[in-house]
Amino acid sequence: MAPARSTGRRSARDHAYHLDDWLDVDHGHGLPRTFEASMPPNPSTERTPASGLWLLAPPPVIFLGALALGLFLQVLWPLSLFGHSLAARIMGGCMILCGLALSGAVMYYFGRAETPVMPWRETGRLVVSGPYRFSRNPDYVGQALLVGGLALLLAAPWVFLVLLPALLVVRYGVISREERYLERRFGEEYRQYCAHVGRWF
């Protein structure tokens, strides 16, 4: 049988694959690799490490909400567990001062590390100095002390009662997500830090 003669023509499919080879097309994206590499990243598909951190609510909002709800309940159904004693007011004032001092220290050390305090923004550095030597969450401890101190100062036991579930919300709705994010972000460095410093104290 005589061999088939070449007509010297290429089909449209042959031309398409020849063009793909020349352009070095990535068929998964439909773009030339050389062109795709030079294109700027698409904001709709690129995600910063912090963009995956979703919080139930900003912690200050949670603590302020607990304070407002506690005061509202105190007006509706007054409780008098410790009254307006001088000792309670002094203790409340000390707690408020400690809370403000912790919050101020947190802002100072974050500013010195040039990383944002807001947990929903990208963390540039792992802060382990200052109050973070003794607690992994001194900012939330400070906010809890501030609300608890106001409860004593204003003789509002309901604020204490509402503060307990608020701390659980912060623990599981905020801190758990932050910890997973920081472990992904800093890896072994963060795990070593967690091994030496407690979540609260």
N, C-alpha and C. Protein backbone atom coordinates (compact mmCIF):
# COMPACT_ATOMS: atom_id res chain seq x y z
N MET A 1 0.86 -1.19 0.00
CA MET A 1 0.00 0.00 0.00
C MET A 1 0.89 1.23 0.00
N ALA A 2 0.60 2.14 -0.86
CA ALA A 2 1.45 3.32 -0.99
C ALA A 2 1.25 4.24 0.19
N PRO A 3 2.32 4.84 0.69
CA PRO A 3 2.19 5.75 1.83
C PRO A 3 1.39 6.98 1.45
N ALA A 4 0.67 7.49 2.41
CA ALA A 4 -0.17 8.69 2.15
C ALA A 4 0.74 9.87 1.91
N ARG A 5 0.33 10.69 0.97
CA ARG A 5 1.13 11.86 0.64
C ARG A 5 0.74 13.05 1.53
N SER A 6 1.77 13.77 1.93
CA SER A 6 1.52 14.98 2.73
C SER A 6 1.02 16.08 1.84
N THR A 7 -0.02 16.72 2.23
CA THR A 7 -0.60 17.79 1.42
C THR A 7 0.05 19.13 1.71
N GLY A 8 0.90 19.15 2.79
CA GLY A 8 1.53 20.43 3.15
C GLY A 8 0.61 21.37 3.88
N ARG A 9 -0.59 20.88 4.25
CA ARG A 9 -1.55 21.73 4.94
C ARG A 9 -1.68 21.28 6.40
N ARG A 10 -2.02 22.21 7.27
CA ARG A 10 -2.28 21.89 8.67
C ARG A 10 -3.73 22.23 8.98
N SER A 11 -4.28 21.41 9.81
CA SER A 11 -5.66 21.68 10.24
C SER A 11 -5.67 22.87 11.19
N ALA A 12 -6.86 23.37 11.45
CA ALA A 12 -7.00 24.50 12.38
C ALA A 12 -6.53 24.12 13.77
N ARG A 13 -6.79 22.83 14.18
CA ARG A 13 -6.34 22.37 15.49
C ARG A 13 -4.83 22.37 15.58
N ASP A 14 -4.14 21.90 14.49
CA ASP A 14 -2.67 21.88 14.48
C ASP A 14 -2.12 23.30 14.63
N HIS A 15 -2.73 24.24 13.93
CA HIS A 15 -2.27 25.61 14.03
C HIS A 15 -2.47 26.16 15.45
N ALA A 16 -3.60 25.79 16.10
CA ALA A 16 -3.89 26.28 17.45
C ALA A 16 -2.84 25.78 18.43
N TYR A 17 -2.52 24.46 18.38
CA TYR A 17 -1.53 23.91 19.29
C TYR A 17 -0.15 24.47 19.00
N HIS A 18 0.17 24.72 17.70
CA HIS A 18 1.45 25.29 17.37
C HIS A 18 1.56 26.70 17.97
N LEU A 19 0.48 27.47 17.92
CA LEU A 19 0.47 28.81 18.51
C LEU A 19 0.59 28.75 20.01
N ASP A 20 -0.08 27.75 20.64
CA ASP A 20 0.02 27.59 22.09
C ASP A 20 1.45 27.30 22.50
N ASP A 21 2.13 26.43 21.74
CA ASP A 21 3.52 26.10 22.08
C ASP A 21 4.41 27.32 21.97
N TRP A 22 4.17 28.12 20.92
CA TRP A 22 5.00 29.31 20.71
C TRP A 22 4.80 30.34 21.82
N LEU A 23 3.54 30.48 22.29
CA LEU A 23 3.24 31.43 23.35
C LEU A 23 3.47 30.85 24.73
N ASP A 24 3.65 29.50 24.82
CA ASP A 24 3.81 28.82 26.11
C ASP A 24 2.58 29.07 26.98
N VAL A 25 1.42 28.65 26.47
CA VAL A 25 0.15 28.91 27.14
C VAL A 25 -0.06 27.95 28.29
N ASP A 26 -0.53 28.47 29.40
CA ASP A 26 -1.00 27.65 30.51
C ASP A 26 -2.48 27.39 30.28
N HIS A 27 -2.82 26.14 29.88
CA HIS A 27 -4.22 25.86 29.53
C HIS A 27 -5.15 25.93 30.73
N GLY A 28 -4.60 25.82 31.94
CA GLY A 28 -5.47 25.92 33.12
C GLY A 28 -6.03 27.32 33.29
N HIS A 29 -5.27 28.36 32.82
CA HIS A 29 -5.75 29.72 32.96
C HIS A 29 -6.10 30.36 31.63
N GLY A 30 -5.64 29.78 30.54
CA GLY A 30 -5.96 30.34 29.24
C GLY A 30 -5.16 31.58 28.91
N LEU A 31 -4.03 31.80 29.60
CA LEU A 31 -3.20 32.96 29.35
C LEU A 31 -1.77 32.52 29.12
N PRO A 32 -1.04 33.23 28.28
CA PRO A 32 0.38 32.93 28.13
C PRO A 32 1.09 33.10 29.46
N ARG A 33 1.96 32.13 29.82
CA ARG A 33 2.65 32.22 31.10
C ARG A 33 3.49 33.47 31.20
N THR A 34 4.10 33.86 30.09
CA THR A 34 4.93 35.07 30.12
C THR A 34 4.09 36.30 30.39
N PHE A 35 2.86 36.31 29.83
CA PHE A 35 1.98 37.45 30.07
C PHE A 35 1.42 37.40 31.49
N GLU A 36 1.04 36.18 31.94
CA GLU A 36 0.41 36.03 33.25
C GLU A 36 1.37 36.44 34.36
N ALA A 37 2.65 36.11 34.21
CA ALA A 37 3.61 36.44 35.24
C ALA A 37 3.81 37.94 35.36
N SER A 38 3.62 38.66 34.25
CA SER A 38 3.85 40.09 34.27
C SER A 38 2.62 40.88 34.68
N MET A 39 1.47 40.21 34.78
CA MET A 39 0.25 40.91 35.15
C MET A 39 0.23 41.18 36.64
N PRO A 40 -0.32 42.32 37.10
CA PRO A 40 -0.41 42.59 38.54
C PRO A 40 -1.43 41.64 39.17
N PRO A 41 -1.25 41.31 40.48
CA PRO A 41 -2.19 40.40 41.14
C PRO A 41 -3.58 40.96 41.18
N ASN A 42 -4.54 40.08 41.04
CA ASN A 42 -5.95 40.47 41.06
C ASN A 42 -6.40 40.64 42.50
N PRO A 43 -6.87 41.83 42.90
CA PRO A 43 -7.28 42.02 44.29
C PRO A 43 -8.39 41.09 44.72
N SER A 44 -9.21 40.61 43.77
CA SER A 44 -10.32 39.75 44.13
C SER A 44 -9.87 38.35 44.49
N THR A 45 -8.66 37.96 44.09
CA THR A 45 -8.18 36.61 44.38
C THR A 45 -7.02 36.61 45.35
N GLU A 46 -6.25 37.71 45.43
CA GLU A 46 -5.14 37.77 46.35
C GLU A 46 -5.67 38.12 47.74
N ARG A 47 -5.18 37.40 48.75
CA ARG A 47 -5.62 37.66 50.11
C ARG A 47 -4.40 37.83 51.00
N THR A 48 -4.38 38.88 51.76
CA THR A 48 -3.30 39.05 52.72
C THR A 48 -3.51 38.06 53.85
N PRO A 49 -2.43 37.78 54.64
CA PRO A 49 -2.60 36.86 55.75
C PRO A 49 -3.70 37.28 56.72
N ALA A 50 -3.88 38.58 56.90
CA ALA A 50 -4.89 39.03 57.85
C ALA A 50 -6.30 38.95 57.29
N SER A 51 -6.45 38.86 55.98
CA SER A 51 -7.79 38.86 55.41
C SER A 51 -8.55 37.59 55.75
N GLY A 52 -7.84 36.55 56.19
CA GLY A 52 -8.52 35.33 56.59
C GLY A 52 -8.96 35.34 58.04
N LEU A 53 -8.65 36.44 58.78
CA LEU A 53 -9.01 36.53 60.18
C LEU A 53 -10.37 37.19 60.31
N TRP A 54 -11.37 36.40 60.62
CA TRP A 54 -12.73 36.91 60.79
C TRP A 54 -13.07 36.85 62.26
N LEU A 55 -13.45 37.99 62.84
CA LEU A 55 -13.78 38.06 64.25
C LEU A 55 -15.27 38.21 64.43
N LEU A 56 -15.77 37.63 65.52
CA LEU A 56 -17.19 37.74 65.81
C LEU A 56 -17.58 39.21 65.99
N ALA A 57 -16.74 39.95 66.73
CA ALA A 57 -16.93 41.40 66.91
C ALA A 57 -15.63 41.93 67.51
N PRO A 58 -15.31 43.20 67.31
CA PRO A 58 -14.12 43.75 67.96
C PRO A 58 -14.26 43.65 69.48
N PRO A 59 -13.24 43.19 70.18
CA PRO A 59 -13.34 43.01 71.63
C PRO A 59 -13.81 44.24 72.40
N PRO A 60 -13.35 45.47 72.07
CA PRO A 60 -13.90 46.62 72.81
C PRO A 60 -15.42 46.73 72.70
N VAL A 61 -15.96 46.36 71.54
CA VAL A 61 -17.42 46.40 71.37
C VAL A 61 -18.08 45.37 72.28
N ILE A 62 -17.47 44.20 72.40
CA ILE A 62 -18.03 43.15 73.26
C ILE A 62 -18.03 43.60 74.72
N PHE A 63 -16.91 44.17 75.18
CA PHE A 63 -16.83 44.60 76.58
C PHE A 63 -17.74 45.80 76.85
N LEU A 64 -17.81 46.74 75.92
CA LEU A 64 -18.72 47.87 76.11
C LEU A 64 -20.17 47.41 76.08
N GLY A 65 -20.46 46.43 75.23
CA GLY A 65 -21.81 45.87 75.20
C GLY A 65 -22.18 45.21 76.52
N ALA A 66 -21.21 44.49 77.11
CA ALA A 66 -21.45 43.86 78.41
C ALA A 66 -21.70 44.92 79.48
N LEU A 67 -20.92 46.00 79.45
CA LEU A 67 -21.11 47.07 80.43
C LEU A 67 -22.49 47.71 80.27
N ALA A 68 -22.87 48.01 79.03
CA ALA A 68 -24.17 48.66 78.79
C ALA A 68 -25.32 47.74 79.20
N LEU A 69 -25.21 46.45 78.82
CA LEU A 69 -26.28 45.52 79.18
C LEU A 69 -26.38 45.33 80.69
N GLY A 70 -25.22 45.24 81.35
CA GLY A 70 -25.23 45.09 82.80
C GLY A 70 -25.86 46.28 83.50
N LEU A 71 -25.54 47.48 83.05
CA LEU A 71 -26.13 48.68 83.67
C LEU A 71 -27.63 48.75 83.40
N PHE A 72 -28.02 48.34 82.21
CA PHE A 72 -29.45 48.33 81.88
C PHE A 72 -30.21 47.35 82.78
N LEU A 73 -29.65 46.16 82.98
CA LEU A 73 -30.29 45.17 83.85
C LEU A 73 -30.29 45.62 85.30
N GLN A 74 -29.25 46.35 85.69
CA GLN A 74 -29.18 46.86 87.07
C GLN A 74 -30.30 47.85 87.33
N VAL A 75 -30.66 48.64 86.30
CA VAL A 75 -31.76 49.59 86.45
C VAL A 75 -33.11 48.86 86.51
N LEU A 76 -33.25 47.81 85.66
CA LEU A 76 -34.52 47.07 85.64
C LEU A 76 -34.73 46.23 86.89
N TRP A 77 -33.71 45.47 87.26
CA TRP A 77 -33.80 44.57 88.42
C TRP A 77 -32.59 44.82 89.32
N PRO A 78 -32.65 45.81 90.14
CA PRO A 78 -31.49 46.17 90.96
C PRO A 78 -31.01 45.02 91.85
N LEU A 79 -29.70 44.83 91.87
CA LEU A 79 -29.06 43.89 92.77
C LEU A 79 -28.15 44.66 93.71
N SER A 80 -28.03 44.18 94.93
CA SER A 80 -27.17 44.86 95.90
C SER A 80 -26.36 43.80 96.64
N LEU A 81 -25.26 43.39 96.02
CA LEU A 81 -24.41 42.36 96.62
C LEU A 81 -23.33 42.98 97.50
N PHE A 82 -22.77 44.10 97.09
CA PHE A 82 -21.72 44.72 97.87
C PHE A 82 -22.00 46.18 98.18
N GLY A 83 -23.10 46.72 97.68
CA GLY A 83 -23.50 48.07 98.04
C GLY A 83 -22.48 49.11 97.63
N HIS A 84 -22.58 50.28 98.24
CA HIS A 84 -21.68 51.38 97.91
C HIS A 84 -20.60 51.50 98.99
N SER A 85 -19.99 50.39 99.34
CA SER A 85 -18.97 50.41 100.38
C SER A 85 -17.70 51.07 99.87
N LEU A 86 -16.95 51.64 100.80
CA LEU A 86 -15.71 52.31 100.45
C LEU A 86 -14.69 51.32 99.91
N ALA A 87 -14.64 50.13 100.50
CA ALA A 87 -13.68 49.11 100.06
C ALA A 87 -13.94 48.71 98.61
N ALA A 88 -15.23 48.54 98.27
CA ALA A 88 -15.58 48.16 96.90
C ALA A 88 -15.17 49.25 95.91
N ARG A 89 -15.37 50.50 96.32
CA ARG A 89 -15.02 51.61 95.43
C ARG A 89 -13.50 51.71 95.24
N ILE A 90 -12.75 51.50 96.32
CA ILE A 90 -11.29 51.54 96.22
C ILE A 90 -10.79 50.42 95.32
N MET A 91 -11.35 49.22 95.52
CA MET A 91 -10.95 48.09 94.68
C MET A 91 -11.33 48.35 93.22
N GLY A 92 -12.50 48.90 93.01
CA GLY A 92 -12.92 49.22 91.65
C GLY A 92 -12.00 50.24 91.00
N GLY A 93 -11.63 51.27 91.77
CA GLY A 93 -10.71 52.27 91.23
C GLY A 93 -9.36 51.67 90.88
N CYS A 94 -8.85 50.76 91.73
CA CYS A 94 -7.57 50.10 91.44
C CYS A 94 -7.67 49.25 90.18
N MET A 95 -8.79 48.54 90.01
CA MET A 95 -8.97 47.71 88.81
C MET A 95 -9.01 48.58 87.55
N ILE A 96 -9.67 49.72 87.65
CA ILE A 96 -9.75 50.62 86.49
C ILE A 96 -8.36 51.14 86.13
N LEU A 97 -7.57 51.53 87.15
CA LEU A 97 -6.22 52.02 86.89
C LEU A 97 -5.35 50.93 86.26
N CYS A 98 -5.47 49.70 86.76
CA CYS A 98 -4.70 48.58 86.20
C CYS A 98 -5.11 48.31 84.75
N GLY A 99 -6.41 48.38 84.49
CA GLY A 99 -6.89 48.15 83.12
C GLY A 99 -6.39 49.20 82.16
N LEU A 100 -6.44 50.47 82.60
CA LEU A 100 -5.95 51.55 81.74
C LEU A 100 -4.45 51.44 81.52
N ALA A 101 -3.71 51.04 82.58
CA ALA A 101 -2.26 50.89 82.45
C ALA A 101 -1.92 49.78 81.47
N LEU A 102 -2.65 48.66 81.54
CA LEU A 102 -2.40 47.57 80.60
C LEU A 102 -2.71 47.98 79.17
N SER A 103 -3.83 48.65 78.98
CA SER A 103 -4.20 49.09 77.62
C SER A 103 -3.17 50.07 77.08
N GLY A 104 -2.70 50.98 77.93
CA GLY A 104 -1.68 51.92 77.49
C GLY A 104 -0.38 51.24 77.13
N ALA A 105 0.01 50.23 77.93
CA ALA A 105 1.24 49.49 77.66
C ALA A 105 1.14 48.72 76.35
N VAL A 106 -0.03 48.13 76.10
CA VAL A 106 -0.24 47.39 74.85
C VAL A 106 -0.06 48.32 73.65
N MET A 107 -0.68 49.49 73.70
CA MET A 107 -0.57 50.43 72.58
C MET A 107 0.88 50.89 72.41
N TYR A 108 1.59 51.09 73.51
CA TYR A 108 2.98 51.53 73.43
C TYR A 108 3.86 50.48 72.76
N TYR A 109 3.75 49.22 73.20
CA TYR A 109 4.62 48.18 72.66
C TYR A 109 4.25 47.81 71.23
N PHE A 110 2.98 47.90 70.88
CA PHE A 110 2.61 47.68 69.48
C PHE A 110 3.13 48.81 68.60
N GLY A 111 3.06 50.03 69.12
CA GLY A 111 3.60 51.15 68.35
C GLY A 111 5.10 51.04 68.17
N ARG A 112 5.79 50.58 69.21
CA ARG A 112 7.24 50.42 69.11
C ARG A 112 7.62 49.34 68.11
N ALA A 113 6.77 48.31 68.01
CA ALA A 113 7.01 47.24 67.03
C ALA A 113 6.49 47.59 65.65
N GLU A 114 5.84 48.75 65.52
CA GLU A 114 5.30 49.21 64.24
C GLU A 114 4.34 48.18 63.63
N THR A 115 3.45 47.66 64.46
CA THR A 115 2.44 46.73 63.99
C THR A 115 1.09 47.18 64.55
N PRO A 116 0.00 47.05 63.81
CA PRO A 116 -1.30 47.59 64.25
C PRO A 116 -1.87 46.84 65.45
N VAL A 117 -2.55 47.58 66.31
CA VAL A 117 -3.19 46.97 67.48
C VAL A 117 -4.47 46.24 67.07
N MET A 118 -5.18 46.77 66.06
CA MET A 118 -6.45 46.17 65.66
C MET A 118 -6.25 44.74 65.18
N PRO A 119 -6.97 43.77 65.75
CA PRO A 119 -6.73 42.36 65.39
C PRO A 119 -7.14 41.98 63.98
N TRP A 120 -7.99 42.80 63.33
CA TRP A 120 -8.43 42.45 61.97
C TRP A 120 -7.47 42.96 60.90
N ARG A 121 -6.42 43.67 61.31
CA ARG A 121 -5.41 44.11 60.35
C ARG A 121 -4.20 43.17 60.40
N GLU A 122 -3.42 43.19 59.33
CA GLU A 122 -2.28 42.28 59.21
C GLU A 122 -1.24 42.56 60.29
N THR A 123 -0.82 41.52 60.98
CA THR A 123 0.20 41.64 62.03
C THR A 123 1.58 41.58 61.41
N GLY A 124 2.37 42.62 61.64
CA GLY A 124 3.70 42.66 61.05
C GLY A 124 4.73 41.92 61.87
N ARG A 125 4.63 42.01 63.20
CA ARG A 125 5.58 41.37 64.09
C ARG A 125 4.86 40.74 65.26
N LEU A 126 5.48 39.72 65.84
CA LEU A 126 4.95 39.08 67.03
C LEU A 126 5.49 39.83 68.24
N VAL A 127 4.59 40.47 68.99
CA VAL A 127 5.00 41.26 70.15
C VAL A 127 5.05 40.34 71.37
N VAL A 128 6.22 40.24 71.98
CA VAL A 128 6.40 39.36 73.15
C VAL A 128 7.03 40.11 74.32
N SER A 129 7.16 41.41 74.22
CA SER A 129 7.78 42.19 75.28
C SER A 129 6.72 42.93 76.09
N GLY A 130 7.16 43.61 77.15
CA GLY A 130 6.22 44.36 77.98
C GLY A 130 5.23 43.43 78.66
N PRO A 131 3.95 43.80 78.67
CA PRO A 131 2.94 42.93 79.33
C PRO A 131 2.78 41.58 78.64
N TYR A 132 3.23 41.47 77.39
CA TYR A 132 3.11 40.20 76.68
C TYR A 132 4.10 39.15 77.18
N ARG A 133 4.97 39.53 78.11
CA ARG A 133 5.82 38.53 78.75
C ARG A 133 5.04 37.70 79.77
N PHE A 134 3.91 38.24 80.24
CA PHE A 134 3.14 37.59 81.30
C PHE A 134 1.78 37.10 80.83
N SER A 135 1.29 37.62 79.73
CA SER A 135 -0.02 37.23 79.21
C SER A 135 -0.01 37.37 77.69
N ARG A 136 -0.66 36.41 77.01
CA ARG A 136 -0.76 36.52 75.56
C ARG A 136 -1.85 37.49 75.14
N ASN A 137 -2.71 37.87 76.09
CA ASN A 137 -3.81 38.78 75.77
C ASN A 137 -3.97 39.86 76.84
N PRO A 138 -2.92 40.62 77.12
CA PRO A 138 -3.05 41.64 78.17
C PRO A 138 -4.05 42.74 77.82
N ASP A 139 -4.27 42.95 76.52
CA ASP A 139 -5.25 43.97 76.13
C ASP A 139 -6.64 43.58 76.58
N TYR A 140 -7.00 42.30 76.42
CA TYR A 140 -8.34 41.85 76.82
C TYR A 140 -8.45 41.74 78.34
N VAL A 141 -7.34 41.38 78.99
CA VAL A 141 -7.34 41.39 80.45
C VAL A 141 -7.57 42.80 80.96
N GLY A 142 -6.92 43.78 80.33
CA GLY A 142 -7.10 45.17 80.73
C GLY A 142 -8.52 45.65 80.53
N GLN A 143 -9.14 45.27 79.43
CA GLN A 143 -10.52 45.69 79.18
C GLN A 143 -11.48 45.04 80.17
N ALA A 144 -11.21 43.77 80.52
CA ALA A 144 -12.05 43.10 81.51
C ALA A 144 -11.90 43.75 82.88
N LEU A 145 -10.66 44.12 83.26
CA LEU A 145 -10.44 44.81 84.53
C LEU A 145 -11.16 46.15 84.55
N LEU A 146 -11.15 46.84 83.43
CA LEU A 146 -11.81 48.15 83.34
C LEU A 146 -13.32 48.01 83.57
N VAL A 147 -13.93 47.03 82.92
CA VAL A 147 -15.38 46.83 83.08
C VAL A 147 -15.70 46.34 84.50
N GLY A 148 -14.88 45.42 85.02
CA GLY A 148 -15.12 44.95 86.38
C GLY A 148 -14.94 46.05 87.40
N GLY A 149 -13.95 46.92 87.19
CA GLY A 149 -13.76 48.04 88.10
C GLY A 149 -14.93 49.00 88.09
N LEU A 150 -15.49 49.25 86.91
CA LEU A 150 -16.67 50.11 86.82
C LEU A 150 -17.86 49.46 87.52
N ALA A 151 -17.96 48.14 87.44
CA ALA A 151 -19.05 47.45 88.14
C ALA A 151 -18.96 47.68 89.64
N LEU A 152 -17.74 47.63 90.20
CA LEU A 152 -17.57 47.88 91.64
C LEU A 152 -17.80 49.35 91.97
N LEU A 153 -17.25 50.21 91.13
CA LEU A 153 -17.35 51.65 91.40
C LEU A 153 -18.80 52.13 91.34
N LEU A 154 -19.59 51.55 90.43
CA LEU A 154 -20.99 51.95 90.26
C LEU A 154 -21.96 51.07 91.04
N ALA A 155 -21.41 50.11 91.79
CA ALA A 155 -22.24 49.18 92.57
C ALA A 155 -23.29 48.52 91.69
N ALA A 156 -22.82 47.92 90.62
CA ALA A 156 -23.72 47.27 89.65
C ALA A 156 -23.32 45.81 89.47
N PRO A 157 -23.80 44.92 90.33
CA PRO A 157 -23.44 43.49 90.23
C PRO A 157 -23.82 42.85 88.90
N TRP A 158 -24.87 43.38 88.26
CA TRP A 158 -25.28 42.80 86.97
C TRP A 158 -24.15 42.89 85.94
N VAL A 159 -23.33 43.92 86.04
CA VAL A 159 -22.21 44.05 85.10
C VAL A 159 -21.26 42.89 85.26
N PHE A 160 -21.00 42.47 86.50
CA PHE A 160 -20.14 41.31 86.74
C PHE A 160 -20.76 40.05 86.14
N LEU A 161 -22.07 39.90 86.32
CA LEU A 161 -22.75 38.70 85.81
C LEU A 161 -22.71 38.64 84.28
N VAL A 162 -22.85 39.79 83.62
CA VAL A 162 -22.81 39.83 82.16
C VAL A 162 -21.37 39.72 81.64
N LEU A 163 -20.42 40.15 82.47
CA LEU A 163 -19.01 40.11 82.05
C LEU A 163 -18.53 38.66 81.84
N LEU A 164 -19.06 37.72 82.61
CA LEU A 164 -18.62 36.32 82.48
C LEU A 164 -18.92 35.74 81.10
N PRO A 165 -20.17 35.82 80.61
CA PRO A 165 -20.40 35.33 79.23
C PRO A 165 -19.66 36.16 78.18
N ALA A 166 -19.45 37.45 78.46
CA ALA A 166 -18.69 38.27 77.50
C ALA A 166 -17.25 37.74 77.38
N LEU A 167 -16.66 37.31 78.49
CA LEU A 167 -15.31 36.74 78.44
C LEU A 167 -15.29 35.44 77.64
N LEU A 168 -16.35 34.65 77.75
CA LEU A 168 -16.44 33.42 76.96
C LEU A 168 -16.54 33.74 75.47
N VAL A 169 -17.30 34.79 75.15
CA VAL A 169 -17.41 35.20 73.74
C VAL A 169 -16.04 35.64 73.21
N VAL A 170 -15.31 36.41 74.01
CA VAL A 170 -13.98 36.85 73.60
C VAL A 170 -13.05 35.66 73.46
N ARG A 171 -13.15 34.73 74.41
CA ARG A 171 -12.27 33.56 74.37
C ARG A 171 -12.47 32.72 73.12
N TYR A 172 -13.73 32.39 72.81
CA TYR A 172 -13.98 31.46 71.70
C TYR A 172 -14.34 32.16 70.39
N GLY A 173 -14.78 33.41 70.46
CA GLY A 173 -15.14 34.11 69.24
C GLY A 173 -14.05 35.00 68.69
N VAL A 174 -13.05 35.31 69.54
CA VAL A 174 -11.98 36.21 69.12
C VAL A 174 -10.61 35.55 69.28
N ILE A 175 -10.28 35.17 70.51
CA ILE A 175 -8.93 34.66 70.79
C ILE A 175 -8.62 33.39 70.02
N SER A 176 -9.59 32.47 69.94
CA SER A 176 -9.33 31.22 69.21
C SER A 176 -8.97 31.49 67.76
N ARG A 177 -9.68 32.42 67.13
CA ARG A 177 -9.38 32.76 65.74
C ARG A 177 -8.03 33.46 65.61
N GLU A 178 -7.74 34.34 66.57
CA GLU A 178 -6.45 35.02 66.55
C GLU A 178 -5.30 34.02 66.69
N GLU A 179 -5.47 33.06 67.57
CA GLU A 179 -4.40 32.08 67.79
C GLU A 179 -4.14 31.25 66.55
N ARG A 180 -5.19 30.85 65.85
CA ARG A 180 -4.99 30.08 64.62
C ARG A 180 -4.29 30.93 63.56
N TYR A 181 -4.68 32.19 63.48
CA TYR A 181 -4.05 33.09 62.51
C TYR A 181 -2.57 33.31 62.83
N LEU A 182 -2.26 33.57 64.10
CA LEU A 182 -0.87 33.83 64.49
C LEU A 182 0.00 32.59 64.31
N GLU A 183 -0.58 31.41 64.54
CA GLU A 183 0.20 30.18 64.31
C GLU A 183 0.52 30.00 62.84
N ARG A 184 -0.46 30.31 61.97
CA ARG A 184 -0.18 30.25 60.53
C ARG A 184 0.84 31.30 60.13
N ARG A 185 0.75 32.46 60.75
CA ARG A 185 1.60 33.59 60.37
C ARG A 185 3.05 33.42 60.83
N PHE A 186 3.22 32.96 62.09
CA PHE A 186 4.56 32.93 62.67
C PHE A 186 5.09 31.53 62.96
N GLY A 187 4.23 30.52 62.83
CA GLY A 187 4.68 29.14 62.93
C GLY A 187 5.31 28.78 64.26
N GLU A 188 6.51 28.21 64.23
CA GLU A 188 7.17 27.68 65.41
C GLU A 188 7.47 28.79 66.43
N GLU A 189 7.74 29.99 65.96
CA GLU A 189 8.01 31.10 66.88
C GLU A 189 6.81 31.34 67.79
N TYR A 190 5.61 31.30 67.23
CA TYR A 190 4.41 31.52 68.04
C TYR A 190 4.13 30.31 68.94
N ARG A 191 4.37 29.11 68.45
CA ARG A 191 4.15 27.93 69.29
C ARG A 191 5.08 27.92 70.50
N GLN A 192 6.31 28.33 70.31
CA GLN A 192 7.24 28.43 71.43
C GLN A 192 6.77 29.49 72.43
N TYR A 193 6.26 30.58 71.91
CA TYR A 193 5.74 31.64 72.79
C TYR A 193 4.57 31.13 73.60
N CYS A 194 3.65 30.41 72.97
CA CYS A 194 2.49 29.86 73.69
C CYS A 194 2.91 28.85 74.76
N ALA A 195 4.00 28.15 74.53
CA ALA A 195 4.46 27.16 75.49
C ALA A 195 4.99 27.80 76.76
N HIS A 196 5.38 29.07 76.71
CA HIS A 196 5.98 29.73 77.86
C HIS A 196 5.08 30.78 78.49
N VAL A 197 4.09 31.27 77.77
CA VAL A 197 3.22 32.33 78.28
C VAL A 197 1.77 31.88 78.20
N GLY A 198 1.02 32.09 79.28
CA GLY A 198 -0.37 31.66 79.32
C GLY A 198 -1.29 32.55 78.51
N ARG A 199 -2.48 32.01 78.24
CA ARG A 199 -3.44 32.77 77.44
C ARG A 199 -3.91 34.02 78.17
N TRP A 200 -4.16 33.89 79.48
CA TRP A 200 -4.62 35.03 80.26
C TRP A 200 -3.52 35.54 81.20
N PHE A 201 -2.93 34.61 81.96
CA PHE A 201 -1.86 34.99 82.91
C PHE A 201 -0.72 33.99 82.82
